[in-house]
Every structure is written in C-alpha cells, then in structure tokens.
Amino acid sequence: MFDLLTWELFFDDARPGEHGADELRTGYLRHCPNRAAELLEADVVGELIDAIRGTWCGEGQVPTGPTEDDDCSAAGYGRRVGFNEELFDRVVGVYDESPPFFTTLGRALVEAAGIPDESTVIDLGAGKGAVTIALRAALPRGAITAVDVSSGMLAAIDALDLDQVDTVHADLIELPLADRSFDHAVSGFSLHILADQRAAFQEIHRVLRPGASLTWSLPGSHQEAREWSRDYAAIYQRYEAAIRDVPAEMTPAPDLDALLLAAGFSVDAVKTVPVAIPVGDAEGYWRWTQSHGARWLTDVLPPQDAQALHREVVSSLQRLHPTQGAHIMVAPQITRMLRT
C-alpha cells in the first residue's frame, strides 16, 4: 500500500503513461517529501507503477488513468487501497508497546461487556489483541474471532497462539462471516475511525444473534485535562487544515449512537472510565501519539511541518497538561448495546 497522496501524483497532476521513472520519482517526492528515504530504494518506483497497472489496466499495459466514473481524489484512493490497513500495518511494531494503553483499556471494556463464559464473541478492529487477550482470560471456554483490516496486527495475535481464537483479515464494512453467528461483539477504539460507519454497523448487526450485546469504546477527555485537550485539538486541526482531502477515516466521527440505533441496536448501559497511564514525560507522550492512528497526520505532512507539530504538542503538554505530559489522562466512554 502507498501513501494517499500518491493518488494525486498520478491522477491529479500526471498520467503515468506519459512519464518516466525519474519524473515519477520527482513527483512522488514533491507530494510526499517525508518519504525521501523510501525513494532511494531502486524498486520503489517500479513497484508503484506495477500497483497502478494492476489497479487500472490489464497486466502489461501502460496505465492511462481512471475512467470518468472513478473517484480520483486522495480520499478516493484511500478507500480503494485501504487507508486503515496501510496505516496500522505501518505502526504495528510500536503499537500498544510503551505504554500498553489499549491493553489497559481492553480489560475495562471486557469487564463492562459482562459476557458469559462459553459465548461466541467477535472482536471488531482487534489490533494486536488488547481486547482479544482480555476476552481469552475472562472466557476460558469461549470462542473468539478477532477481525482487523491490518494483516500485520493479526499476525501479532496469531503469534500469541491463543486457544480458541481465530483471526479474520477483513474490513468491517464487508465481514466474510455467516449471519447470526456470534453471541456478542466488542470493539475497542475502532468504530469512530471507519470510512463508512453505516455499512459497518449493518454488517455487525447481520453477524450477531438477536439479543446479542455490542460493547464498544470511544475516546474521551479527562476532566482534569480538558484545557490541554482543547489546545491539542486546536493544534491538530490547524495542521490538518493544510491537508487536501483528509481521509474519511480521520474526519470527525458522526453520531455513532444514532447510526447504531438506526442499524438495529438499543442502548443498555454507558460508563466513563477515567485513567492516568504513566508515559514518562512530554516527549514520551508524543512518542505514544505516533504509535497509533494519530500518526497519520505526521506521515503526510512535509518534514518541517511534522517537526513543528511535534514541537507545538510537546510545548502544549509542558504548559497546560496537569502532569506536564507525564501521564496519558483520558476518560473513554464505554457503551453496551443490544441487538434487536
């Protein structure tokens, strides 16, 4: 998978059939300056051309660009190649390593779900298994299916060799699973970063049995860190405003409750879980932000802007955060719903 802005190189500014390798390299570098090291690899341009050929024309033909019915925006490219798949494959090596943020909140999610043992459970957007591992511990006789769009994340779960745990590589908008095949579903910090929540929620409803629960978590601000959270959001939005065609997965989430109600779910319980997880200092906090989905912005910004973003976030933590960035202070919302 390639950077979203590669799409703009080929279909907003150029026709690859008209350009040689040197021009492709120059254009790619212009759009993705923070990928300069990649461009030193001799096979990158050839691999890029092969990917475009494989997508837009028959094997061995010269790419000529999309048809008039195709979405030629960077966001359209993201939908085609899988923005979340590329992003989370890229961060898998550092995801939930230091600190184990998702592991900590995965246990809280499973506790809130209250799932009986011997249930069949689907973990939606399983990542490296934070919630899956907590499910395995809580349900020794349960059967768990971990679904994620990132093959790298699922490989990490497979490496754990957990008993009665299967992994499925799939996007939540098209689950390759039978109707009414699960007793319960859980999802840790995934439902708000989908390109098409409406389609995903319909799929989740389809694979759950009537009366099944869906327990999911959503990021939330810690009351003691509200001032810093507002400042961080303002910084992030200012840099994001410079990005053309922000991918759908990273745009503000719609009213998830309303979409889930429309898909056939009803609210059973809602709770907030304030936590303060040690991360060392402001630089440690910054490194943590680069270990998960928030990294997408840094990856697409030019190097000087990415460095400026880093400096501003660290400065904000040191000035406004209650512990000067020594702790990740958040208060996620956990919602338990029932399938009608």
Protein backbone atom coordinates (compact mmCIF):
# COMPACT_ATOMS: atom_id res chain seq x y z
CA MET A 1 0.00 0.00 0.00
CA PHE A 2 1.16 3.51 -0.77
CA ASP A 3 0.69 6.95 0.70
CA LEU A 4 -2.66 8.57 -0.02
CA LEU A 5 -1.04 11.45 -1.87
CA THR A 6 0.42 9.07 -4.44
CA TRP A 7 -3.04 9.17 -5.97
CA GLU A 8 -2.72 12.88 -6.57
CA LEU A 9 0.59 12.38 -8.32
CA PHE A 10 -0.89 10.02 -10.86
CA PHE A 11 -4.40 11.25 -11.35
CA ASP A 12 -4.47 14.92 -10.38
CA ASP A 13 -1.14 16.05 -11.80
CA ALA A 14 0.06 13.41 -14.24
CA ARG A 15 -0.72 10.44 -16.40
CA PRO A 16 1.78 7.69 -15.62
CA GLY A 17 1.83 6.51 -19.24
CA GLU A 18 3.33 9.88 -20.16
CA HIS A 19 6.15 9.95 -17.58
CA GLY A 20 9.37 8.08 -17.00
CA ALA A 21 10.81 6.78 -13.75
CA ASP A 22 12.78 9.96 -12.98
CA GLU A 23 9.68 12.13 -13.38
CA LEU A 24 7.63 9.73 -11.26
CA ARG A 25 10.28 9.84 -8.57
CA THR A 26 10.36 13.65 -8.63
CA GLY A 27 6.59 13.92 -8.49
CA TYR A 28 6.28 11.42 -5.67
CA LEU A 29 8.91 13.26 -3.67
CA ARG A 30 7.12 16.57 -4.25
CA HIS A 31 3.87 15.14 -2.87
CA CYS A 32 5.40 13.01 -0.11
CA PRO A 33 8.59 14.78 1.00
CA ASN A 34 8.77 12.90 4.28
CA ARG A 35 9.17 9.66 2.32
CA ALA A 36 12.50 10.72 0.78
CA ALA A 37 14.34 7.72 2.24
CA GLU A 38 11.88 5.38 0.51
CA LEU A 39 12.68 6.93 -2.84
CA LEU A 40 16.33 5.96 -2.53
CA GLU A 41 15.25 2.33 -2.94
CA ALA A 42 15.55 1.46 -6.61
CA ASP A 43 12.46 -0.75 -6.67
CA VAL A 44 10.04 1.78 -5.18
CA VAL A 45 9.08 3.48 -8.42
CA GLY A 46 8.80 0.19 -10.28
CA GLU A 47 6.63 -1.24 -7.51
CA LEU A 48 4.49 1.87 -7.58
CA ILE A 49 3.97 1.62 -11.33
CA ASP A 50 3.10 -2.08 -11.01
CA ALA A 51 0.49 -1.26 -8.37
CA ILE A 52 -1.14 1.35 -10.60
CA ARG A 53 -1.06 -1.02 -13.57
CA GLY A 54 -2.64 -3.76 -11.51
CA THR A 55 -5.42 -1.45 -10.39
CA TRP A 56 -6.25 0.49 -13.53
CA CYS A 57 -5.48 -1.64 -16.56
CA GLY A 58 -4.71 -5.12 -17.78
CA GLU A 59 -1.40 -6.72 -16.98
CA GLY A 60 1.46 -5.42 -19.10
CA GLN A 61 -0.44 -2.37 -20.35
CA VAL A 62 0.60 1.21 -19.81
CA PRO A 63 -1.62 2.95 -17.22
CA THR A 64 -3.77 5.65 -18.75
CA GLY A 65 -5.67 6.90 -15.72
CA PRO A 66 -9.14 6.22 -14.32
CA THR A 67 -12.44 6.34 -16.12
CA GLU A 68 -14.87 9.21 -15.64
CA ASP A 69 -16.81 7.12 -13.10
CA ASP A 70 -13.82 6.65 -10.78
CA ASP A 71 -13.14 8.73 -7.68
CA CYS A 72 -9.82 10.45 -8.37
CA SER A 73 -9.37 12.25 -5.07
CA ALA A 74 -6.82 11.32 -2.43
CA ALA A 75 -9.71 10.27 -0.21
CA GLY A 76 -10.97 8.06 -3.03
CA TYR A 77 -7.57 6.44 -3.27
CA GLY A 78 -7.66 5.82 0.46
CA ARG A 79 -10.95 3.95 0.12
CA ARG A 80 -9.64 1.90 -2.77
CA VAL A 81 -6.37 0.70 -1.25
CA GLY A 82 -7.44 0.70 2.40
CA PHE A 83 -6.25 3.67 4.42
CA ASN A 84 -6.56 1.94 7.79
CA GLU A 85 -4.85 -1.19 6.50
CA GLU A 86 -1.81 0.75 5.32
CA LEU A 87 -1.68 2.95 8.41
CA PHE A 88 -1.92 0.20 11.00
CA ASP A 89 0.42 -2.13 9.14
CA ARG A 90 2.92 0.71 9.39
CA VAL A 91 2.63 1.18 13.17
CA VAL A 92 2.34 -2.46 14.19
CA GLY A 93 5.90 -2.60 15.57
CA VAL A 94 5.27 0.13 18.16
CA TYR A 95 1.51 -0.18 18.66
CA ASP A 96 0.50 -0.63 22.32
CA GLU A 97 4.07 -1.31 23.40
CA SER A 98 5.02 1.61 25.65
CA PRO A 99 2.80 2.22 27.43
CA PRO A 100 0.28 -0.63 26.99
CA PHE A 101 -2.59 1.85 26.64
CA PHE A 102 -5.01 -0.33 24.67
CA THR A 103 -4.27 -3.37 26.82
CA THR A 104 -5.20 -1.42 29.95
CA LEU A 105 -8.47 -0.18 28.49
CA GLY A 106 -9.17 -3.50 26.80
CA ARG A 107 -9.57 -5.08 30.22
CA ALA A 108 -12.01 -2.33 31.22
CA LEU A 109 -14.01 -2.90 28.04
CA VAL A 110 -14.33 -6.65 28.63
CA GLU A 111 -15.34 -6.05 32.25
CA ALA A 112 -18.08 -3.65 31.11
CA ALA A 113 -19.29 -6.12 28.47
CA GLY A 114 -20.15 -8.74 31.10
CA ILE A 115 -20.12 -11.60 28.60
CA PRO A 116 -20.95 -15.08 29.91
CA ASP A 117 -18.40 -17.84 29.51
CA GLU A 118 -18.87 -20.30 26.62
CA SER A 119 -20.08 -17.45 24.38
CA THR A 120 -19.00 -16.90 20.80
CA VAL A 121 -17.54 -13.39 20.59
CA ILE A 122 -16.27 -11.23 17.73
CA ASP A 123 -13.60 -8.60 18.44
CA LEU A 124 -14.07 -5.85 15.83
CA GLY A 125 -10.90 -3.93 14.97
CA ALA A 126 -8.84 -6.22 17.18
CA GLY A 127 -5.45 -4.58 16.60
CA LYS A 128 -2.67 -6.61 18.25
CA GLY A 129 -5.15 -8.29 20.56
CA ALA A 130 -5.62 -5.99 23.56
CA VAL A 131 -9.31 -6.88 23.86
CA THR A 132 -8.88 -10.41 22.48
CA ILE A 133 -6.39 -11.26 25.23
CA ALA A 134 -8.72 -9.85 27.90
CA LEU A 135 -11.59 -11.90 26.45
CA ARG A 136 -9.47 -15.04 26.47
CA ALA A 137 -8.70 -14.51 30.17
CA ALA A 138 -12.33 -13.75 31.09
CA LEU A 139 -13.92 -16.52 28.99
CA PRO A 140 -11.78 -19.67 29.29
CA ARG A 141 -14.41 -21.72 27.46
CA GLY A 142 -15.46 -19.06 24.98
CA ALA A 143 -14.73 -18.96 21.24
CA ILE A 144 -13.28 -15.68 19.99
CA THR A 145 -12.89 -14.32 16.47
CA ALA A 146 -10.55 -11.34 16.07
CA VAL A 147 -11.20 -9.21 12.97
CA ASP A 148 -8.91 -6.48 11.70
CA VAL A 149 -8.13 -4.81 8.40
CA SER A 150 -4.38 -4.92 9.15
CA SER A 151 -2.66 -8.21 8.38
CA GLY A 152 0.31 -7.08 10.47
CA MET A 153 -1.87 -6.65 13.55
CA LEU A 154 -3.46 -10.07 13.06
CA ALA A 155 -0.04 -11.69 12.65
CA ALA A 156 0.80 -10.39 16.14
CA ILE A 157 -2.33 -12.10 17.52
CA ASP A 158 -1.55 -15.32 15.67
CA ALA A 159 1.94 -15.30 17.17
CA LEU A 160 0.38 -15.47 20.65
CA ASP A 161 -1.09 -18.88 19.78
CA LEU A 162 -4.17 -18.32 21.93
CA ASP A 163 -6.51 -21.26 22.40
CA GLN A 164 -9.94 -20.95 20.75
CA VAL A 165 -9.03 -17.70 18.98
CA ASP A 166 -9.41 -17.31 15.22
CA THR A 167 -8.30 -14.30 13.19
CA VAL A 168 -10.05 -12.88 10.13
CA HIS A 169 -8.48 -10.31 7.82
CA ALA A 170 -11.39 -8.11 6.75
CA ASP A 171 -12.84 -4.64 6.64
CA LEU A 172 -15.84 -4.19 8.94
CA ILE A 173 -17.95 -2.99 6.03
CA GLU A 174 -17.78 -6.45 4.46
CA LEU A 175 -17.42 -9.25 7.01
CA PRO A 176 -16.86 -12.71 5.46
CA LEU A 177 -18.89 -14.32 8.25
CA ALA A 178 -22.26 -16.05 8.44
CA ASP A 179 -25.47 -14.35 9.50
CA ARG A 180 -26.30 -14.55 13.23
CA SER A 181 -23.09 -16.42 14.05
CA PHE A 182 -21.99 -14.61 17.25
CA ASP A 183 -23.45 -14.24 20.73
CA HIS A 184 -21.64 -10.97 21.49
CA ALA A 185 -19.36 -8.35 19.93
CA VAL A 186 -16.75 -5.96 21.36
CA SER A 187 -14.79 -3.14 19.75
CA GLY A 188 -12.02 -1.11 21.36
CA PHE A 189 -11.46 2.36 19.85
CA SER A 190 -12.31 1.28 16.30
CA LEU A 191 -15.85 2.29 15.37
CA HIS A 192 -15.06 6.01 15.14
CA ILE A 193 -12.30 5.55 12.52
CA LEU A 194 -14.23 3.72 9.81
CA ALA A 195 -14.75 5.10 6.33
CA ASP A 196 -18.41 4.04 6.29
CA GLN A 197 -19.96 3.55 9.73
CA ARG A 198 -23.45 2.97 8.35
CA ALA A 199 -22.36 -0.02 6.25
CA ALA A 200 -20.18 -1.41 9.05
CA PHE A 201 -22.96 -1.22 11.63
CA GLN A 202 -25.32 -3.06 9.29
CA GLU A 203 -22.71 -5.80 8.90
CA ILE A 204 -22.19 -6.05 12.66
CA HIS A 205 -25.94 -6.35 13.15
CA ARG A 206 -26.07 -9.08 10.50
CA VAL A 207 -23.45 -11.34 12.12
CA LEU A 208 -24.91 -11.03 15.65
CA ARG A 209 -27.74 -13.14 17.00
CA PRO A 210 -30.91 -11.42 18.28
CA GLY A 211 -30.34 -10.23 21.84
CA ALA A 212 -26.55 -10.15 21.42
CA SER A 213 -24.57 -7.35 23.00
CA LEU A 214 -22.20 -4.93 21.30
CA THR A 215 -19.81 -3.20 23.71
CA TRP A 216 -17.56 -0.51 22.27
CA SER A 217 -15.28 2.29 23.42
CA LEU A 218 -14.78 5.83 22.19
CA PRO A 219 -12.01 8.31 23.15
CA GLY A 220 -12.98 10.96 25.69
CA SER A 221 -11.30 13.83 27.55
CA HIS A 222 -10.30 13.51 31.19
CA GLN A 223 -11.98 16.23 33.27
CA GLU A 224 -8.66 17.34 34.77
CA ALA A 225 -7.04 17.61 31.33
CA ARG A 226 -9.81 19.43 29.46
CA GLU A 227 -7.82 22.64 28.90
CA TRP A 228 -4.92 20.73 27.38
CA SER A 229 -7.25 18.52 25.31
CA ARG A 230 -8.83 21.61 23.74
CA ASP A 231 -5.43 23.09 22.95
CA TYR A 232 -4.20 19.80 21.46
CA ALA A 233 -7.30 19.53 19.30
CA ALA A 234 -6.81 23.09 18.04
CA ILE A 235 -3.16 22.40 17.14
CA TYR A 236 -4.05 19.18 15.37
CA GLN A 237 -6.90 20.80 13.41
CA ARG A 238 -4.69 23.66 12.28
CA TYR A 239 -2.15 21.31 10.73
CA GLU A 240 -4.86 19.03 9.38
CA ALA A 241 -6.42 22.00 7.57
CA ALA A 242 -3.37 22.10 5.30
CA ILE A 243 -4.03 18.54 4.10
CA ARG A 244 -6.04 18.19 0.96
CA ASP A 245 -8.76 15.53 1.08
CA VAL A 246 -8.45 14.28 4.64
CA PRO A 247 -9.30 10.55 4.53
CA ALA A 248 -12.80 9.65 5.64
CA GLU A 249 -11.40 7.51 8.45
CA MET A 250 -9.82 10.57 10.05
CA THR A 251 -12.68 13.05 9.70
CA PRO A 252 -14.82 13.82 12.78
CA ALA A 253 -16.98 10.83 13.63
CA PRO A 254 -20.72 11.18 13.03
CA ASP A 255 -23.30 10.48 15.73
CA LEU A 256 -22.39 6.84 16.28
CA ASP A 257 -25.23 6.24 18.72
CA ALA A 258 -27.78 7.42 16.15
CA LEU A 259 -26.29 5.26 13.41
CA LEU A 260 -26.25 2.21 15.67
CA LEU A 261 -29.85 2.79 16.72
CA ALA A 262 -30.80 3.01 13.04
CA ALA A 263 -28.91 -0.25 12.37
CA GLY A 264 -31.00 -2.09 14.95
CA PHE A 265 -29.26 -1.65 18.30
CA SER A 266 -30.56 -0.20 21.58
CA VAL A 267 -28.52 1.33 24.40
CA ASP A 268 -28.23 -0.83 27.51
CA ALA A 269 -25.53 0.95 29.56
CA VAL A 270 -22.96 3.73 29.28
CA LYS A 271 -19.98 4.37 31.54
CA THR A 272 -16.92 6.63 31.57
CA VAL A 273 -13.53 5.23 32.58
CA PRO A 274 -11.03 7.92 33.65
CA VAL A 275 -7.42 6.69 33.57
CA ALA A 276 -3.95 8.17 34.05
CA ILE A 277 -1.32 5.93 32.45
CA PRO A 278 2.36 6.81 33.09
CA VAL A 279 4.33 7.68 29.98
CA GLY A 280 7.40 9.43 31.44
CA ASP A 281 7.34 12.97 30.11
CA ALA A 282 6.04 15.14 27.26
CA GLU A 283 8.37 13.53 24.73
CA GLY A 284 7.18 10.11 25.86
CA TYR A 285 3.61 11.30 25.39
CA TRP A 286 4.45 12.47 21.86
CA ARG A 287 6.02 9.12 21.02
CA TRP A 288 2.85 7.41 22.19
CA THR A 289 0.74 9.57 19.84
CA GLN A 290 2.91 8.30 16.99
CA SER A 291 2.29 4.64 17.85
CA HIS A 292 -1.35 4.50 16.74
CA GLY A 293 -3.83 6.13 14.36
CA ALA A 294 -2.95 9.74 15.25
CA ARG A 295 0.33 9.20 13.42
CA TRP A 296 -1.37 9.55 10.04
CA LEU A 297 -1.05 13.34 10.09
CA THR A 298 2.67 13.32 10.84
CA ASP A 299 3.20 10.87 7.99
CA VAL A 300 1.60 13.07 5.35
CA LEU A 301 2.95 16.45 6.47
CA PRO A 302 6.17 17.81 4.93
CA PRO A 303 9.13 17.21 7.29
CA GLN A 304 9.33 20.81 8.50
CA ASP A 305 5.62 20.85 9.34
CA ALA A 306 5.80 17.46 11.07
CA GLN A 307 8.67 18.76 13.20
CA ALA A 308 6.72 21.93 14.03
CA LEU A 309 3.70 19.85 15.04
CA HIS A 310 5.93 17.80 17.32
CA ARG A 311 7.33 20.93 18.98
CA GLU A 312 3.90 22.50 19.47
CA VAL A 313 2.38 19.39 21.02
CA VAL A 314 5.30 18.93 23.43
CA SER A 315 5.15 22.63 24.39
CA SER A 316 1.40 22.40 24.97
CA LEU A 317 1.85 19.36 27.21
CA GLN A 318 4.51 21.11 29.25
CA ARG A 319 2.40 24.27 29.66
CA LEU A 320 -1.17 23.03 30.02
CA HIS A 321 -1.27 19.34 30.88
CA PRO A 322 -1.94 18.55 34.59
CA THR A 323 1.18 16.35 34.78
CA GLN A 324 3.18 18.15 32.07
CA GLY A 325 2.73 15.11 29.86
CA ALA A 326 3.93 12.50 32.34
CA HIS A 327 0.61 10.64 32.12
CA ILE A 328 -1.90 9.87 29.40
CA MET A 329 -5.04 11.27 31.05
CA VAL A 330 -8.19 10.28 29.19
CA ALA A 331 -11.74 9.24 30.04
CA PRO A 332 -13.04 6.89 27.34
CA GLN A 333 -16.74 6.21 27.07
CA ILE A 334 -17.79 2.56 27.02
CA THR A 335 -21.25 1.80 25.64
CA ARG A 336 -23.07 -1.52 25.84
CA MET A 337 -25.83 -2.01 23.27
CA LEU A 338 -28.20 -4.84 22.47
CA ARG A 339 -29.07 -6.17 19.03
CA THR A 340 -32.80 -6.15 18.37
